[in-house]
Protein backbone atom coordinates (compact mmCIF):
# COMPACT_ATOMS: atom_id res chain seq x y z
CA MET A 1 -10.04 -25.45 -13.49
CA PRO A 2 -13.35 -23.86 -13.67
CA THR A 3 -14.62 -22.55 -16.25
CA HIS A 4 -17.88 -20.64 -15.95
CA THR A 5 -17.80 -19.33 -13.05
CA MET A 6 -15.80 -18.77 -9.47
CA ARG A 7 -16.32 -17.31 -6.11
CA ALA A 8 -15.85 -13.36 -5.71
CA VAL A 9 -16.55 -10.63 -3.27
CA ARG A 10 -19.04 -8.27 -5.08
CA LEU A 11 -20.24 -4.80 -4.22
CA HIS A 12 -23.39 -3.97 -5.37
CA GLU A 13 -24.12 -0.72 -3.40
CA HIS A 14 -22.20 1.26 -1.09
CA GLY A 15 -21.77 0.97 2.33
CA GLY A 16 -20.07 -0.68 5.25
CA PRO A 17 -18.62 -3.68 5.27
CA ASP A 18 -22.36 -6.16 5.42
CA VAL A 19 -22.35 -4.59 1.84
CA LEU A 20 -19.51 -7.31 0.50
CA ARG A 21 -21.45 -10.02 -0.86
CA TYR A 22 -19.28 -13.84 -1.62
CA GLU A 23 -21.36 -15.07 -4.56
CA GLU A 24 -20.92 -17.07 -7.72
CA VAL A 25 -19.38 -14.39 -10.64
CA PRO A 26 -18.42 -15.28 -14.53
CA PHE A 27 -15.00 -16.69 -14.95
CA PRO A 28 -12.46 -13.86 -15.75
CA GLU A 29 -10.54 -14.51 -19.53
CA PRO A 30 -7.41 -12.68 -20.00
CA GLY A 31 -6.60 -10.69 -22.97
CA PRO A 32 -3.73 -8.98 -24.21
CA GLY A 33 -0.61 -8.52 -22.35
CA GLU A 34 -2.85 -10.39 -19.57
CA VAL A 35 -2.40 -13.92 -17.25
CA LEU A 36 -4.64 -15.44 -15.50
CA VAL A 37 -4.03 -16.20 -11.93
CA ARG A 38 -5.07 -18.47 -9.74
CA VAL A 39 -5.34 -16.38 -6.53
CA HIS A 40 -4.02 -18.07 -3.15
CA ALA A 41 -4.31 -14.55 -0.71
CA VAL A 42 -5.31 -10.68 -1.35
CA GLY A 43 -3.83 -7.69 0.64
CA VAL A 44 -6.24 -5.30 1.79
CA ASN A 45 -5.64 -2.07 1.88
CA PRO A 46 -7.60 1.29 2.39
CA PRO A 47 -8.61 1.70 -0.96
CA ASP A 48 -10.58 -1.47 -1.07
CA TRP A 49 -12.89 0.37 2.28
CA TYR A 50 -12.74 3.58 0.50
CA LEU A 51 -14.49 1.66 -3.19
CA ARG A 52 -16.64 0.44 -0.46
CA ASP A 53 -18.30 3.37 0.84
CA GLY A 54 -18.52 5.00 -2.34
CA MET A 55 -15.19 7.25 -2.05
CA SER A 56 -16.85 9.50 0.22
CA ASN A 57 -13.91 10.76 1.67
CA LEU A 58 -12.20 11.75 -1.32
CA PRO A 59 -13.10 15.59 -3.25
CA PRO A 60 -15.60 14.64 -6.35
CA GLU A 61 -12.93 15.70 -8.83
CA THR A 62 -10.33 12.85 -8.02
CA ARG A 63 -13.11 10.13 -7.62
CA PRO A 64 -12.47 7.33 -10.18
CA LYS A 65 -15.30 5.86 -12.13
CA PHE A 66 -16.76 2.49 -11.92
CA ASP A 67 -19.68 0.46 -12.27
CA LEU A 68 -21.64 -1.63 -9.75
CA PRO A 69 -21.97 -4.44 -9.26
CA VAL A 70 -17.81 -4.17 -8.64
CA ILE A 71 -14.73 -6.84 -7.15
CA PRO A 72 -13.12 -4.87 -5.06
CA GLY A 73 -9.05 -5.68 -4.29
CA THR A 74 -6.21 -4.80 -6.08
CA ASP A 75 -3.16 -6.92 -4.15
CA LEU A 76 -2.60 -10.91 -4.66
CA SER A 77 -0.33 -13.61 -4.60
CA GLY A 78 -1.05 -17.07 -6.92
CA VAL A 79 -0.06 -19.07 -9.60
CA VAL A 80 -0.16 -18.25 -13.31
CA GLU A 81 -2.72 -20.64 -14.76
CA ALA A 82 -2.86 -19.10 -17.99
CA VAL A 83 -0.85 -16.71 -20.21
CA ALA A 84 -1.39 -14.84 -23.14
CA ALA A 85 -0.03 -15.26 -26.61
CA ASP A 86 1.66 -11.78 -26.25
CA VAL A 87 2.96 -12.58 -22.76
CA ASP A 88 7.09 -13.03 -22.18
CA GLY A 89 8.55 -13.27 -19.00
CA PHE A 90 5.84 -15.45 -17.24
CA SER A 91 4.65 -19.20 -17.72
CA VAL A 92 1.77 -21.44 -16.43
CA GLY A 93 3.10 -22.77 -12.95
CA ASP A 94 5.00 -19.49 -11.76
CA GLU A 95 4.14 -18.13 -8.87
CA VAL A 96 3.61 -14.40 -8.86
CA PHE A 97 2.65 -11.21 -6.78
CA GLY A 98 1.04 -7.81 -7.51
CA LEU A 99 -0.49 -4.74 -7.76
CA LEU A 100 -3.54 -4.95 -10.25
CA ARG A 101 -4.41 -1.36 -12.05
CA PHE A 102 -3.87 1.03 -9.49
CA PRO A 103 -4.96 3.65 -9.48
CA SER A 104 -8.16 2.37 -11.10
CA PHE A 105 -10.16 0.62 -8.99
CA ASP A 106 -10.74 -2.82 -11.39
CA GLY A 107 -8.04 -5.00 -10.06
CA SER A 108 -10.86 -7.57 -9.02
CA ALA A 109 -8.90 -9.21 -6.66
CA TYR A 110 -11.41 -10.42 -3.88
CA ALA A 111 -11.73 -13.07 -5.97
CA GLU A 112 -10.79 -17.21 -6.90
CA TYR A 113 -9.44 -16.50 -10.57
CA VAL A 114 -8.20 -12.78 -11.67
CA ALA A 115 -7.09 -11.82 -15.19
CA ALA A 116 -3.94 -9.75 -14.72
CA ARG A 117 -1.74 -7.38 -16.29
CA ALA A 118 1.60 -8.81 -16.71
CA SER A 119 3.12 -5.54 -16.62
CA ASP A 120 1.73 -5.34 -13.11
CA LEU A 121 3.36 -8.54 -11.66
CA ALA A 122 6.13 -10.16 -10.50
CA LEU A 123 7.65 -13.47 -9.45
CA LYS A 124 7.06 -13.91 -5.86
CA PRO A 125 10.38 -13.94 -3.58
CA ALA A 126 10.75 -17.79 -3.08
CA GLY A 127 11.49 -17.14 0.84
CA ILE A 128 8.06 -15.82 1.68
CA ASP A 129 4.55 -18.23 1.49
CA HIS A 130 1.24 -16.17 -0.56
CA VAL A 131 -0.12 -14.68 2.42
CA HIS A 132 3.33 -12.04 2.96
CA ALA A 133 3.42 -11.66 -0.55
CA ALA A 134 -0.18 -10.82 -0.91
CA GLY A 135 0.37 -8.15 1.96
CA ALA A 136 3.50 -6.43 0.04
CA PRO A 137 2.42 -4.66 -3.08
CA MET A 138 0.03 -1.83 -2.66
CA ALA A 139 2.16 -0.98 0.51
CA GLY A 140 5.55 -1.95 -0.38
CA LEU A 141 5.11 0.20 -3.54
CA THR A 142 3.88 3.24 -1.88
CA ALA A 143 6.89 3.37 0.29
CA TRP A 144 8.97 3.18 -2.53
CA GLN A 145 7.76 5.62 -4.77
CA PHE A 146 7.52 8.18 -2.07
CA LEU A 147 11.14 7.42 -0.37
CA ILE A 148 13.18 5.32 -3.27
CA GLU A 149 11.67 5.99 -6.62
CA LEU A 150 8.86 7.50 -8.27
CA GLY A 151 9.19 5.32 -10.82
CA HIS A 152 6.33 6.95 -13.29
CA ASP A 153 5.63 10.27 -14.80
CA HIS A 154 1.98 10.52 -13.93
CA PRO A 155 0.61 13.26 -12.06
CA SER A 156 -0.75 13.33 -8.51
CA PRO A 157 -4.52 14.70 -8.63
CA PHE A 158 -3.89 16.30 -5.41
CA GLN A 159 -0.76 18.54 -6.60
CA ALA A 160 0.65 19.71 -9.88
CA ALA A 161 4.48 19.40 -9.25
CA ARG A 162 6.30 15.84 -9.80
CA HIS A 163 7.04 14.31 -6.44
CA ARG A 164 10.44 13.88 -6.28
CA PRO A 165 12.36 11.19 -3.64
CA VAL A 166 14.97 12.90 -1.08
CA PRO A 167 17.96 10.53 -1.38
CA LEU A 168 18.58 9.04 2.09
CA GLY A 169 21.38 7.86 4.07
CA ALA A 170 23.39 7.79 7.00
CA ASP A 171 23.30 11.45 7.10
CA THR A 172 19.41 11.74 6.85
CA THR A 173 16.83 11.33 9.27
CA VAL A 174 13.43 9.87 8.47
CA LEU A 175 10.52 10.30 10.89
CA ILE A 176 7.19 8.03 10.10
CA ASN A 177 4.12 9.09 11.43
CA GLY A 178 1.94 5.98 11.97
CA ALA A 179 5.20 3.81 11.47
CA ALA A 180 3.37 0.64 12.28
CA GLY A 181 0.69 0.07 9.58
CA GLY A 182 1.02 -1.43 5.87
CA VAL A 183 3.00 1.83 4.36
CA GLY A 184 4.54 2.85 7.61
CA HIS A 185 6.33 -0.38 8.30
CA PHE A 186 7.56 -0.75 4.77
CA ALA A 187 8.76 2.84 4.69
CA LEU A 188 10.85 2.19 7.70
CA GLN A 189 12.44 -0.80 6.63
CA LEU A 190 13.32 0.97 3.30
CA ALA A 191 14.77 4.21 4.93
CA LYS A 192 16.96 1.75 7.25
CA TRP A 193 18.23 -0.16 3.86
CA LYS A 194 19.36 3.50 2.85
CA GLY A 195 21.23 3.83 6.11
CA ALA A 196 18.82 6.45 7.28
CA HIS A 197 18.26 7.06 11.13
CA VAL A 198 14.31 6.59 11.39
CA ILE A 199 12.11 7.69 14.49
CA ALA A 200 8.98 5.73 14.54
CA VAL A 201 5.99 7.25 15.48
CA ALA A 202 2.77 4.93 16.70
CA SER A 203 0.80 4.24 19.97
CA GLY A 204 2.85 2.41 22.57
CA ALA A 205 1.98 -1.39 22.06
CA HIS A 206 3.84 -1.19 18.69
CA GLU A 207 7.19 -0.13 20.06
CA SER A 208 8.57 -3.54 20.42
CA PHE A 209 7.28 -4.15 16.65
CA LEU A 210 8.58 -1.23 15.68
CA ARG A 211 11.92 -1.03 17.28
CA LYS A 212 12.70 -4.80 15.83
CA LEU A 213 12.38 -3.90 12.51
CA GLY A 214 14.87 -1.27 12.89
CA ALA A 215 13.36 2.22 14.57
CA ASP A 216 16.43 4.15 16.00
CA GLU A 217 13.99 6.20 17.99
CA PHE A 218 10.55 5.88 19.02
CA ILE A 219 7.18 8.05 20.17
CA ASP A 220 4.46 7.32 21.52
CA TYR A 221 2.01 9.43 20.08
CA THR A 222 -0.72 8.79 23.17
CA ARG A 223 2.00 10.32 25.42
CA SER A 224 4.13 12.88 23.71
CA ARG A 225 3.55 15.26 20.31
CA PRO A 226 6.24 14.42 17.99
CA GLU A 227 6.52 18.30 16.68
CA GLU A 228 7.64 18.96 20.79
CA LEU A 229 10.12 16.52 20.89
CA VAL A 230 12.02 16.44 17.37
CA HIS A 231 13.69 18.83 15.35
CA ASP A 232 15.68 19.09 12.36
CA VAL A 233 14.44 16.28 10.71
CA ASP A 234 15.02 15.76 6.92
CA VAL A 235 12.00 14.19 6.24
CA VAL A 236 8.30 13.42 7.66
CA LEU A 237 6.64 10.63 5.76
CA ASP A 238 3.13 10.83 7.21
CA ALA A 239 1.05 7.84 6.80
CA VAL A 240 -1.73 8.94 9.01
CA GLY A 241 -2.67 12.33 6.55
CA GLY A 242 -5.27 14.20 7.86
CA PRO A 243 -6.00 17.68 9.17
CA GLY A 244 -3.16 17.13 12.04
CA SER A 245 -1.11 16.46 8.83
CA ARG A 246 0.49 20.17 9.09
CA ARG A 247 1.73 19.97 13.00
CA LEU A 248 4.64 17.55 11.76
CA LEU A 249 5.60 20.49 9.76
CA ARG A 250 7.03 22.06 12.85
CA THR A 251 9.85 18.72 12.97
CA LEU A 252 11.20 19.24 9.83
CA LYS A 253 14.68 21.34 9.31
CA ARG A 254 14.57 24.30 6.61
CA GLY A 255 14.94 22.75 3.76
CA GLY A 256 13.20 19.61 4.73
CA SER A 257 10.02 17.49 2.96
CA GLN A 258 7.28 16.38 4.22
CA PHE A 259 5.38 13.69 2.30
CA PRO A 260 2.01 12.96 3.24
CA VAL A 261 0.75 9.49 1.85
CA PHE A 262 -2.86 10.39 2.61
CA PHE A 263 -3.42 14.32 1.31
CA GLY A 264 -3.45 16.46 4.06
CA GLU A 265 -4.33 20.30 5.09
CA PHE A 266 -1.38 22.69 4.52
CA ASP A 267 -1.01 26.53 4.23
CA GLU A 268 1.45 27.45 1.53
CA GLU A 269 2.31 30.44 3.72
CA GLU A 270 3.44 28.52 6.72
CA THR A 271 5.37 26.12 4.43
CA ALA A 272 7.24 29.15 2.57
CA ARG A 273 7.63 30.86 6.19
CA LEU A 274 9.25 27.47 7.34
CA GLY A 275 11.55 26.89 4.62
CA VAL A 276 9.94 23.40 3.50
CA THR A 277 8.37 21.76 0.98
CA VAL A 278 5.27 19.22 0.96
CA THR A 279 4.90 17.00 -1.57
CA GLY A 280 3.01 13.81 -3.20
CA THR A 281 2.14 10.98 -5.05
CA GLN A 282 -0.36 8.53 -5.84
CA VAL A 283 0.99 4.94 -5.88
CA ARG A 284 0.66 3.28 -9.75
CA SER A 285 1.30 -0.34 -10.27
CA ASN A 286 4.65 -1.21 -11.24
CA GLY A 287 6.28 -4.70 -11.74
CA ALA A 288 9.73 -3.56 -11.97
CA GLN A 289 9.57 -1.94 -8.80
CA LEU A 290 7.99 -4.73 -7.24
CA GLY A 291 10.51 -7.13 -8.54
CA GLU A 292 13.01 -4.85 -6.99
CA LEU A 293 11.30 -5.07 -3.59
CA ALA A 294 11.06 -8.90 -4.28
CA ARG A 295 14.82 -9.09 -4.17
CA LEU A 296 14.90 -7.35 -0.82
CA LEU A 297 11.90 -10.05 0.93
CA ASP A 298 13.69 -12.66 -0.40
CA ALA A 299 17.03 -11.78 1.28
CA GLY A 300 15.33 -10.90 4.73
CA THR A 301 16.03 -6.89 4.71
CA VAL A 302 12.62 -6.37 4.25
CA ARG A 303 9.70 -8.26 6.08
CA VAL A 304 6.10 -8.33 5.64
CA ALA A 305 4.49 -8.26 9.04
CA ILE A 306 1.13 -9.70 9.23
CA ASP A 307 -1.96 -8.12 11.49
CA SER A 308 -4.55 -11.18 10.40
CA THR A 309 -5.75 -13.10 8.42
CA PHE A 310 -9.22 -13.91 7.47
CA ALA A 311 -11.22 -16.39 4.48
CA LEU A 312 -11.87 -14.73 1.04
CA ALA A 313 -15.31 -15.73 2.27
CA ASP A 314 -14.99 -13.55 5.53
CA ALA A 315 -13.98 -10.29 4.03
CA ARG A 316 -16.50 -8.67 5.76
CA ALA A 317 -15.02 -9.40 9.23
CA ALA A 318 -11.14 -8.02 7.57
CA HIS A 319 -13.12 -4.71 6.77
CA GLU A 320 -14.44 -4.60 10.52
CA ARG A 321 -10.96 -5.80 11.46
CA ALA A 322 -9.53 -2.62 9.72
CA ALA A 323 -12.22 0.00 10.99
CA ARG A 324 -11.06 -1.05 14.65
CA GLY A 325 -7.51 0.63 13.55
CA HIS A 326 -4.29 0.02 15.25
CA ILE A 327 -3.16 -2.46 12.63
CA GLN A 328 0.10 -4.13 12.78
CA GLY A 329 1.40 -4.52 9.32
CA LYS A 330 -1.19 -6.04 6.52
CA ILE A 331 -4.66 -7.94 6.78
CA VAL A 332 -4.92 -10.78 4.16
CA LEU A 333 -7.60 -12.63 2.71
CA THR A 334 -6.80 -16.31 2.27
CA VAL A 335 -8.56 -18.57 -0.72
CA VAL A 336 -8.56 -22.22 -0.59
């Protein structure tokens, strides 16, 4: 095992994908409550490119603090190489996966080795490989905390009220906007697991994919506007967000709820007039919830779709792929 340096991707400045540098960096040392993980695969997520470009898309007051140079990345799957003396539940040789230290930005997952908090990790499902496991943590936990169980008491930086998932069952209808992406395809499967009727919104190229995941109805947003076709929905999970999110309020029945994964722009008078609520949260690392998701992944109840894979050294190409959009599932970096 290396003792001094390793290879990792770092940012020394903010900018486009070209600022990602693959280089030699100091080897991490696990502290109390941590394990050392030899990384096999890394999930690529929107916060990775938010960090890369300096968080320019977030309101200044919500931007986390960090120093350059920084190793991006939060999602990993790998093998435990060492365990701190105070850690129970993990042993050298265990295959693990996790969302590291989020919502801070010091996960440092774009690397050959990572010192990870044991509480952020779960045993990797035996039935899937490291690539698929690395694609699950952030997207899967986001869908879980929005739809199934919040699992923490931390306030969202985007709202004062605590987010409360809506109980899902056979008598509920869920519309998922951006259903083919990372969060969206997990949300679809979790809603179906709970027995809900699911309407998936994405571009037409993804229809077959989403129907195979269990979508009951499909809307091609390039051809139709969901708010003109759908009404009396119980829950809208909007994995796209932004200024266009508020138009989806019109699909909800009175008493319904809209969950924007990325904050949108809403008018309190409009939501009051429609009799609906808008609520969200910020995903947080949670090894226990990830363990629950792992059981669903192992059973094949939920699966991870992989859009594309790139070697760690080709992180720039992975970010360029993300920038082109229309992602089906997850982008993953592989570490040899």
